Amino acid sequence: MEVRAMALTEYEARVLGRLAALAITNSVTVSELCRQTGLTESSARKALMRLSRIGLVYGSTRGPARWRSTDRGRRAISRPAYREYTRGRPC
């Protein structure tokens, strides 16, 4: 399935880049994501909600939500326009 070009805000790209860098089985809470990206909780939550609506990330439904990237999200953030947000990403 091809990923259509989409414009992500800087905050969305930071969040998606961080989630895509996790091992496929790992996930993070909003608090962990804020510490790792330097975003406020409000900014991180807004980015997660939009990324979730467009199918690039998903969160758990029980307990404190834990977030991870979808395969589609990993493909989207690998586009050249977002290269700076994927530094340090495992190969």
PDB file of N, CA and C in Angstrom:
ATOM      1  N   MET A   1       0.843  -1.174   0.000  1.00  0.00           N
ATOM      2  CA  MET A   1       0.000   0.000   0.000  1.00  0.00           C
ATOM      3  C   MET A   1       0.889   1.238   0.000  1.00  0.00           C
ATOM      4  N   GLU A   2       0.677   2.133  -0.902  1.00  0.00           N
ATOM      5  CA  GLU A   2       1.465   3.340  -1.015  1.00  0.00           C
ATOM      6  C   GLU A   2       0.976   4.386  -0.022  1.00  0.00           C
ATOM      7  N   VAL A   3       1.911   5.118   0.560  1.00  0.00           N
ATOM      8  CA  VAL A   3       1.570   6.194   1.473  1.00  0.00           C
ATOM      9  C   VAL A   3       1.453   7.469   0.659  1.00  0.00           C
ATOM     10  N   ARG A   4       0.286   8.093   0.698  1.00  0.00           N
ATOM     11  CA  ARG A   4       0.094   9.351  -0.022  1.00  0.00           C
ATOM     12  C   ARG A   4       0.860  10.454   0.676  1.00  0.00           C
ATOM     13  N   ALA A   5       1.301  11.425  -0.099  1.00  0.00           N
ATOM     14  CA  ALA A   5       2.010  12.561   0.469  1.00  0.00           C
ATOM     15  C   ALA A   5       1.062  13.320   1.392  1.00  0.00           C
ATOM     16  N   MET A   6       1.564  13.678   2.542  1.00  0.00           N
ATOM     17  CA  MET A   6       0.758  14.439   3.480  1.00  0.00           C
ATOM     18  C   MET A   6       1.678  15.405   4.193  1.00  0.00           C
ATOM     19  N   ALA A   7       1.154  16.515   4.555  1.00  0.00           N
ATOM     20  CA  ALA A   7       1.952  17.495   5.281  1.00  0.00           C
ATOM     21  C   ALA A   7       1.751  17.286   6.771  1.00  0.00           C
ATOM     22  N   LEU A   8       2.835  17.083   7.480  1.00  0.00           N
ATOM     23  CA  LEU A   8       2.788  16.969   8.927  1.00  0.00           C
ATOM     24  C   LEU A   8       3.331  18.260   9.519  1.00  0.00           C
ATOM     25  N   THR A   9       2.768  18.669  10.641  1.00  0.00           N
ATOM     26  CA  THR A   9       3.336  19.809  11.344  1.00  0.00           C
ATOM     27  C   THR A   9       4.660  19.366  11.958  1.00  0.00           C
ATOM     28  N   GLU A  10       5.445  20.328  12.416  1.00  0.00           N
ATOM     29  CA  GLU A  10       6.717  19.977  13.049  1.00  0.00           C
ATOM     30  C   GLU A  10       6.480  19.071  14.262  1.00  0.00           C
ATOM     31  N   TYR A  11       5.476  19.394  15.077  1.00  0.00           N
ATOM     32  CA  TYR A  11       5.198  18.589  16.259  1.00  0.00           C
ATOM     33  C   TYR A  11       4.757  17.176  15.886  1.00  0.00           C
ATOM     34  N   GLU A  12       3.930  17.059  14.860  1.00  0.00           N
ATOM     35  CA  GLU A  12       3.493  15.731  14.410  1.00  0.00           C
ATOM     36  C   GLU A  12       4.689  14.930  13.909  1.00  0.00           C
ATOM     37  N   ALA A  13       5.575  15.574  13.171  1.00  0.00           N
ATOM     38  CA  ALA A  13       6.761  14.882  12.660  1.00  0.00           C
ATOM     39  C   ALA A  13       7.675  14.466  13.812  1.00  0.00           C
ATOM     40  N   ARG A  14       7.826  15.308  14.832  1.00  0.00           N
ATOM     41  CA  ARG A  14       8.652  14.952  15.986  1.00  0.00           C
ATOM     42  C   ARG A  14       8.074  13.740  16.716  1.00  0.00           C
ATOM     43  N   VAL A  15       6.763  13.756  16.923  1.00  0.00           N
ATOM     44  CA  VAL A  15       6.102  12.641  17.611  1.00  0.00           C
ATOM     45  C   VAL A  15       6.206  11.371  16.770  1.00  0.00           C
ATOM     46  N   LEU A  16       5.865  11.455  15.507  1.00  0.00           N
ATOM     47  CA  LEU A  16       5.899  10.273  14.652  1.00  0.00           C
ATOM     48  C   LEU A  16       7.329   9.754  14.493  1.00  0.00           C
ATOM     49  N   GLY A  17       8.292  10.646  14.367  1.00  0.00           N
ATOM     50  CA  GLY A  17       9.686  10.219  14.265  1.00  0.00           C
ATOM     51  C   GLY A  17      10.127   9.455  15.492  1.00  0.00           C
ATOM     52  N   ARG A  18       9.722   9.922  16.663  1.00  0.00           N
ATOM     53  CA  ARG A  18      10.092   9.232  17.905  1.00  0.00           C
ATOM     54  C   ARG A  18       9.416   7.874  18.014  1.00  0.00           C
ATOM     55  N   LEU A  19       8.121   7.824  17.686  1.00  0.00           N
ATOM     56  CA  LEU A  19       7.406   6.550  17.770  1.00  0.00           C
ATOM     57  C   LEU A  19       7.933   5.553  16.737  1.00  0.00           C
ATOM     58  N   ALA A  20       8.266   6.029  15.556  1.00  0.00           N
ATOM     59  CA  ALA A  20       8.781   5.141  14.514  1.00  0.00           C
ATOM     60  C   ALA A  20      10.157   4.591  14.880  1.00  0.00           C
ATOM     61  N   ALA A  21      10.893   5.311  15.736  1.00  0.00           N
ATOM     62  CA  ALA A  21      12.220   4.859  16.147  1.00  0.00           C
ATOM     63  C   ALA A  21      12.158   3.711  17.163  1.00  0.00           C
ATOM     64  N   LEU A  22      10.995   3.508  17.763  1.00  0.00           N
ATOM     65  CA  LEU A  22      10.847   2.420  18.733  1.00  0.00           C
ATOM     66  C   LEU A  22      10.822   1.075  18.025  1.00  0.00           C
ATOM     67  N   ALA A  23      11.243   0.045  18.731  1.00  0.00           N
ATOM     68  CA  ALA A  23      11.061  -1.305  18.210  1.00  0.00           C
ATOM     69  C   ALA A  23       9.565  -1.523  18.011  1.00  0.00           C
ATOM     70  N   ILE A  24       9.205  -2.337  17.059  1.00  0.00           N
ATOM     71  CA  ILE A  24       7.795  -2.527  16.692  1.00  0.00           C
ATOM     72  C   ILE A  24       6.932  -2.929  17.883  1.00  0.00           C
ATOM     73  N   THR A  25       7.477  -3.664  18.824  1.00  0.00           N
ATOM     74  CA  THR A  25       6.677  -4.127  19.971  1.00  0.00           C
ATOM     75  C   THR A  25       6.668  -3.141  21.132  1.00  0.00           C
ATOM     76  N   ASN A  26       7.425  -2.058  21.053  1.00  0.00           N
ATOM     77  CA  ASN A  26       7.485  -1.077  22.143  1.00  0.00           C
ATOM     78  C   ASN A  26       6.466   0.030  21.947  1.00  0.00           C
ATOM     79  N   SER A  27       6.118   0.668  23.050  1.00  0.00           N
ATOM     80  CA  SER A  27       5.196   1.805  23.020  1.00  0.00           C
ATOM     81  C   SER A  27       5.572   2.742  24.159  1.00  0.00           C
ATOM     82  N   VAL A  28       5.072   3.973  24.118  1.00  0.00           N
ATOM     83  CA  VAL A  28       5.377   4.956  25.158  1.00  0.00           C
ATOM     84  C   VAL A  28       4.115   5.675  25.593  1.00  0.00           C
ATOM     85  N   THR A  29       4.136   6.186  26.817  1.00  0.00           N
ATOM     86  CA  THR A  29       3.030   7.013  27.309  1.00  0.00           C
ATOM     87  C   THR A  29       3.245   8.445  26.825  1.00  0.00           C
ATOM     88  N   VAL A  30       2.229   9.279  26.992  1.00  0.00           N
ATOM     89  CA  VAL A  30       2.352  10.686  26.612  1.00  0.00           C
ATOM     90  C   VAL A  30       3.469  11.344  27.426  1.00  0.00           C
ATOM     91  N   SER A  31       3.555  11.051  28.708  1.00  0.00           N
ATOM     92  CA  SER A  31       4.606  11.635  29.556  1.00  0.00           C
ATOM     93  C   SER A  31       5.990  11.270  29.048  1.00  0.00           C
ATOM     94  N   GLU A  32       6.190  10.004  28.694  1.00  0.00           N
ATOM     95  CA  GLU A  32       7.483   9.573  28.154  1.00  0.00           C
ATOM     96  C   GLU A  32       7.774  10.274  26.831  1.00  0.00           C
ATOM     97  N   LEU A  33       6.761  10.382  26.004  1.00  0.00           N
ATOM     98  CA  LEU A  33       6.911  11.037  24.706  1.00  0.00           C
ATOM     99  C   LEU A  33       7.285  12.509  24.890  1.00  0.00           C
ATOM    100  N   CYS A  34       6.682  13.174  25.860  1.00  0.00           N
ATOM    101  CA  CYS A  34       7.001  14.580  26.140  1.00  0.00           C
ATOM    102  C   CYS A  34       8.462  14.728  26.559  1.00  0.00           C
ATOM    103  N   ARG A  35       8.927  13.844  27.421  1.00  0.00           N
ATOM    104  CA  ARG A  35      10.329  13.901  27.854  1.00  0.00           C
ATOM    105  C   ARG A  35      11.275  13.667  26.678  1.00  0.00           C
ATOM    106  N   GLN A  36      10.909  12.771  25.781  1.00  0.00           N
ATOM    107  CA  GLN A  36      11.785  12.417  24.670  1.00  0.00           C
ATOM    108  C   GLN A  36      11.779  13.437  23.534  1.00  0.00           C
ATOM    109  N   THR A  37      10.690  14.176  23.388  1.00  0.00           N
ATOM    110  CA  THR A  37      10.579  15.126  22.273  1.00  0.00           C
ATOM    111  C   THR A  37      10.691  16.581  22.703  1.00  0.00           C
ATOM    112  N   GLY A  38      10.546  16.846  23.999  1.00  0.00           N
ATOM    113  CA  GLY A  38      10.585  18.214  24.482  1.00  0.00           C
ATOM    114  C   GLY A  38       9.283  18.981  24.270  1.00  0.00           C
ATOM    115  N   LEU A  39       8.222  18.293  23.881  1.00  0.00           N
ATOM    116  CA  LEU A  39       6.918  18.925  23.668  1.00  0.00           C
ATOM    117  C   LEU A  39       6.141  19.005  24.971  1.00  0.00           C
ATOM    118  N   THR A  40       5.212  19.950  25.038  1.00  0.00           N
ATOM    119  CA  THR A  40       4.301  20.003  26.176  1.00  0.00           C
ATOM    120  C   THR A  40       3.300  18.859  26.033  1.00  0.00           C
ATOM    121  N   GLU A  41       2.642  18.529  27.117  1.00  0.00           N
ATOM    122  CA  GLU A  41       1.646  17.456  27.062  1.00  0.00           C
ATOM    123  C   GLU A  41       0.524  17.804  26.092  1.00  0.00           C
ATOM    124  N   SER A  42       0.079  19.046  26.115  1.00  0.00           N
ATOM    125  CA  SER A  42      -0.993  19.481  25.228  1.00  0.00           C
ATOM    126  C   SER A  42      -0.591  19.345  23.757  1.00  0.00           C
ATOM    127  N   SER A  43       0.613  19.776  23.426  1.00  0.00           N
ATOM    128  CA  SER A  43       1.084  19.683  22.039  1.00  0.00           C
ATOM    129  C   SER A  43       1.235  18.231  21.601  1.00  0.00           C
ATOM    130  N   ALA A  44       1.775  17.406  22.490  1.00  0.00           N
ATOM    131  CA  ALA A  44       1.951  15.989  22.168  1.00  0.00           C
ATOM    132  C   ALA A  44       0.595  15.315  21.956  1.00  0.00           C
ATOM    133  N   ARG A  45      -0.366  15.602  22.821  1.00  0.00           N
ATOM    134  CA  ARG A  45      -1.701  14.995  22.688  1.00  0.00           C
ATOM    135  C   ARG A  45      -2.384  15.422  21.385  1.00  0.00           C
ATOM    136  N   LYS A  46      -2.274  16.707  21.038  1.00  0.00           N
ATOM    137  CA  LYS A  46      -2.866  17.175  19.779  1.00  0.00           C
ATOM    138  C   LYS A  46      -2.243  16.466  18.586  1.00  0.00           C
ATOM    139  N   ALA A  47      -0.920  16.346  18.598  1.00  0.00           N
ATOM    140  CA  ALA A  47      -0.230  15.651  17.509  1.00  0.00           C
ATOM    141  C   ALA A  47      -0.667  14.191  17.448  1.00  0.00           C
ATOM    142  N   LEU A  48      -0.749  13.530  18.589  1.00  0.00           N
ATOM    143  CA  LEU A  48      -1.161  12.122  18.625  1.00  0.00           C
ATOM    144  C   LEU A  48      -2.586  11.938  18.098  1.00  0.00           C
ATOM    145  N   MET A  49      -3.478  12.839  18.479  1.00  0.00           N
ATOM    146  CA  MET A  49      -4.870  12.716  18.028  1.00  0.00           C
ATOM    147  C   MET A  49      -4.961  12.834  16.500  1.00  0.00           C
ATOM    148  N   ARG A  50      -4.264  13.797  15.910  1.00  0.00           N
ATOM    149  CA  ARG A  50      -4.314  13.941  14.459  1.00  0.00           C
ATOM    150  C   ARG A  50      -3.639  12.745  13.773  1.00  0.00           C
ATOM    151  N   LEU A  51      -2.481  12.343  14.277  1.00  0.00           N
ATOM    152  CA  LEU A  51      -1.785  11.199  13.683  1.00  0.00           C
ATOM    153  C   LEU A  51      -2.626   9.932  13.795  1.00  0.00           C
ATOM    154  N   SER A  52      -3.349   9.803  14.884  1.00  0.00           N
ATOM    155  CA  SER A  52      -4.227   8.655  15.080  1.00  0.00           C
ATOM    156  C   SER A  52      -5.395   8.681  14.092  1.00  0.00           C
ATOM    157  N   ARG A  53      -5.991   9.853  13.906  1.00  0.00           N
ATOM    158  CA  ARG A  53      -7.123   9.977  12.970  1.00  0.00           C
ATOM    159  C   ARG A  53      -6.727   9.605  11.541  1.00  0.00           C
ATOM    160  N   ILE A  54      -5.480   9.895  11.169  1.00  0.00           N
ATOM    161  CA  ILE A  54      -5.076   9.591   9.792  1.00  0.00           C
ATOM    162  C   ILE A  54      -4.344   8.251   9.681  1.00  0.00           C
ATOM    163  N   GLY A  55      -4.344   7.485  10.774  1.00  0.00           N
ATOM    164  CA  GLY A  55      -3.858   6.110  10.730  1.00  0.00           C
ATOM    165  C   GLY A  55      -2.360   5.921  10.808  1.00  0.00           C
ATOM    166  N   LEU A  56      -1.628   6.911  11.337  1.00  0.00           N
ATOM    167  CA  LEU A  56      -0.178   6.786  11.406  1.00  0.00           C
ATOM    168  C   LEU A  56       0.318   6.299  12.761  1.00  0.00           C
ATOM    169  N   VAL A  57      -0.507   6.436  13.805  1.00  0.00           N
ATOM    170  CA  VAL A  57      -0.175   5.926  15.136  1.00  0.00           C
ATOM    171  C   VAL A  57      -1.435   5.338  15.756  1.00  0.00           C
ATOM    172  N   TYR A  58      -1.245   4.545  16.787  1.00  0.00           N
ATOM    173  CA  TYR A  58      -2.404   4.093  17.561  1.00  0.00           C
ATOM    174  C   TYR A  58      -2.011   3.936  19.016  1.00  0.00           C
ATOM    175  N   GLY A  59      -3.016   4.074  19.874  1.00  0.00           N
ATOM    176  CA  GLY A  59      -2.791   3.980  21.310  1.00  0.00           C
ATOM    177  C   GLY A  59      -3.608   2.864  21.919  1.00  0.00           C
ATOM    178  N   SER A  60      -3.130   2.380  23.063  1.00  0.00           N
ATOM    179  CA  SER A  60      -3.867   1.344  23.788  1.00  0.00           C
ATOM    180  C   SER A  60      -5.134   1.949  24.370  1.00  0.00           C
ATOM    181  N   THR A  61      -6.097   1.110  24.657  1.00  0.00           N
ATOM    182  CA  THR A  61      -7.374   1.600  25.174  1.00  0.00           C
ATOM    183  C   THR A  61      -7.537   1.376  26.675  1.00  0.00           C
ATOM    184  N   ARG A  62      -6.566   0.703  27.301  1.00  0.00           N
ATOM    185  CA  ARG A  62      -6.656   0.452  28.741  1.00  0.00           C
ATOM    186  C   ARG A  62      -5.502   1.126  29.467  1.00  0.00           C
ATOM    187  N   GLY A  63      -5.775   1.474  30.725  1.00  0.00           N
ATOM    188  CA  GLY A  63      -4.730   2.084  31.549  1.00  0.00           C
ATOM    189  C   GLY A  63      -4.259   3.386  30.942  1.00  0.00           C
ATOM    190  N   PRO A  64      -3.088   3.845  31.373  1.00  0.00           N
ATOM    191  CA  PRO A  64      -2.567   5.032  30.692  1.00  0.00           C
ATOM    192  C   PRO A  64      -2.248   4.640  29.251  1.00  0.00           C
ATOM    193  N   ALA A  65      -2.750   5.403  28.317  1.00  0.00           N
ATOM    194  CA  ALA A  65      -2.561   5.070  26.900  1.00  0.00           C
ATOM    195  C   ALA A  65      -1.080   4.959  26.577  1.00  0.00           C
ATOM    196  N   ARG A  66      -0.749   3.935  25.837  1.00  0.00           N
ATOM    197  CA  ARG A  66       0.613   3.732  25.338  1.00  0.00           C
ATOM    198  C   ARG A  66       0.524   3.807  23.821  1.00  0.00           C
ATOM    199  N   TRP A  67       1.412   4.568  23.221  1.00  0.00           N
ATOM    200  CA  TRP A  67       1.345   4.879  21.800  1.00  0.00           C
ATOM    201  C   TRP A  67       2.472   4.235  21.028  1.00  0.00           C
ATOM    202  N   ARG A  68       2.168   3.874  19.778  1.00  0.00           N
ATOM    203  CA  ARG A  68       3.182   3.340  18.864  1.00  0.00           C
ATOM    204  C   ARG A  68       2.818   3.722  17.438  1.00  0.00           C
ATOM    205  N   SER A  69       3.796   3.641  16.574  1.00  0.00           N
ATOM    206  CA  SER A  69       3.598   3.954  15.162  1.00  0.00           C
ATOM    207  C   SER A  69       3.009   2.742  14.448  1.00  0.00           C
ATOM    208  N   THR A  70       2.214   2.995  13.439  1.00  0.00           N
ATOM    209  CA  THR A  70       1.740   1.923  12.565  1.00  0.00           C
ATOM    210  C   THR A  70       2.777   1.734  11.456  1.00  0.00           C
ATOM    211  N   ASP A  71       2.653   0.665  10.687  1.00  0.00           N
ATOM    212  CA  ASP A  71       3.546   0.468   9.534  1.00  0.00           C
ATOM    213  C   ASP A  71       3.410   1.648   8.582  1.00  0.00           C
ATOM    214  N   ARG A  72       2.193   2.107   8.397  1.00  0.00           N
ATOM    215  CA  ARG A  72       1.952   3.260   7.520  1.00  0.00           C
ATOM    216  C   ARG A  72       2.661   4.497   8.051  1.00  0.00           C
ATOM    217  N   GLY A  73       2.663   4.675   9.368  1.00  0.00           N
ATOM    218  CA  GLY A  73       3.364   5.798   9.977  1.00  0.00           C
ATOM    219  C   GLY A  73       4.865   5.722   9.768  1.00  0.00           C
ATOM    220  N   ARG A  74       5.419   4.508   9.896  1.00  0.00           N
ATOM    221  CA  ARG A  74       6.856   4.335   9.663  1.00  0.00           C
ATOM    222  C   ARG A  74       7.226   4.648   8.218  1.00  0.00           C
ATOM    223  N   ARG A  75       6.365   4.263   7.282  1.00  0.00           N
ATOM    224  CA  ARG A  75       6.626   4.588   5.870  1.00  0.00           C
ATOM    225  C   ARG A  75       6.517   6.087   5.632  1.00  0.00           C
ATOM    226  N   ALA A  76       5.528   6.732   6.249  1.00  0.00           N
ATOM    227  CA  ALA A  76       5.325   8.170   6.045  1.00  0.00           C
ATOM    228  C   ALA A  76       6.511   8.982   6.563  1.00  0.00           C
ATOM    229  N   ILE A  77       7.017   8.648   7.744  1.00  0.00           N
ATOM    230  CA  ILE A  77       8.102   9.435   8.336  1.00  0.00           C
ATOM    231  C   ILE A  77       9.432   9.147   7.647  1.00  0.00           C
ATOM    232  N   SER A  78       9.509   8.089   6.861  1.00  0.00           N
ATOM    233  CA  SER A  78      10.756   7.782   6.153  1.00  0.00           C
ATOM    234  C   SER A  78      10.914   8.605   4.871  1.00  0.00           C
ATOM    235  N   ARG A  79       9.920   9.398   4.524  1.00  0.00           N
ATOM    236  CA  ARG A  79      10.010  10.254   3.332  1.00  0.00           C
ATOM    237  C   ARG A  79      11.146  11.265   3.517  1.00  0.00           C
ATOM    238  N   PRO A  80      11.833  11.631   2.440  1.00  0.00           N
ATOM    239  CA  PRO A  80      12.963  12.564   2.551  1.00  0.00           C
ATOM    240  C   PRO A  80      12.630  13.876   3.270  1.00  0.00           C
ATOM    241  N   ALA A  81      11.431  14.374   3.127  1.00  0.00           N
ATOM    242  CA  ALA A  81      11.061  15.645   3.763  1.00  0.00           C
ATOM    243  C   ALA A  81      11.144  15.570   5.285  1.00  0.00           C
ATOM    244  N   TYR A  82      11.069  14.385   5.850  1.00  0.00           N
ATOM    245  CA  TYR A  82      11.061  14.219   7.306  1.00  0.00           C
ATOM    246  C   TYR A  82      12.355  13.605   7.837  1.00  0.00           C
ATOM    247  N   ARG A  83      13.391  13.577   7.026  1.00  0.00           N
ATOM    248  CA  ARG A  83      14.655  12.927   7.394  1.00  0.00           C
ATOM    249  C   ARG A  83      15.198  13.427   8.733  1.00  0.00           C
ATOM    250  N   GLU A  84      15.088  14.738   9.001  1.00  0.00           N
ATOM    251  CA  GLU A  84      15.650  15.275  10.235  1.00  0.00           C
ATOM    252  C   GLU A  84      14.937  14.752  11.492  1.00  0.00           C
ATOM    253  N   TYR A  85      13.740  14.227  11.335  1.00  0.00           N
ATOM    254  CA  TYR A  85      12.981  13.721  12.481  1.00  0.00           C
ATOM    255  C   TYR A  85      13.216  12.230  12.729  1.00  0.00           C
ATOM    256  N   THR A  86      14.023  11.609  11.893  1.00  0.00           N
ATOM    257  CA  THR A  86      14.269  10.170  12.037  1.00  0.00           C
ATOM    258  C   THR A  86      15.718   9.867  12.376  1.00  0.00           C
ATOM    259  N   ARG A  87      16.470  10.857  12.753  1.00  0.00           N
ATOM    260  CA  ARG A  87      17.882  10.618  13.135  1.00  0.00           C
ATOM    261  C   ARG A  87      17.933   9.680  14.323  1.00  0.00           C
ATOM    262  N   GLY A  88      18.892   8.775  14.265  1.00  0.00           N
ATOM    263  CA  GLY A  88      19.056   7.849  15.373  1.00  0.00           C
ATOM    264  C   GLY A  88      18.086   6.680  15.330  1.00  0.00           C
ATOM    265  N   ARG A  89      17.323   6.594  14.270  1.00  0.00           N
ATOM    266  CA  ARG A  89      16.345   5.524  14.121  1.00  0.00           C
ATOM    267  C   ARG A  89      17.040   4.205  13.820  1.00  0.00           C
ATOM    268  N   PRO A  90      16.656   3.111  14.466  1.00  0.00           N
ATOM    269  CA  PRO A  90      17.298   1.832  14.177  1.00  0.00           C
ATOM    270  C   PRO A  90      16.983   1.378  12.752  1.00  0.00           C
ATOM    271  N   CYS A  91      17.956   0.714  12.151  1.00  0.00           N
ATOM    272  CA  CYS A  91      17.767   0.208  10.773  1.00  0.00           C
ATOM    273  C   CYS A  91      17.127  -1.159  10.774  1.00  0.00           C
TER     274      CYS A  91
END
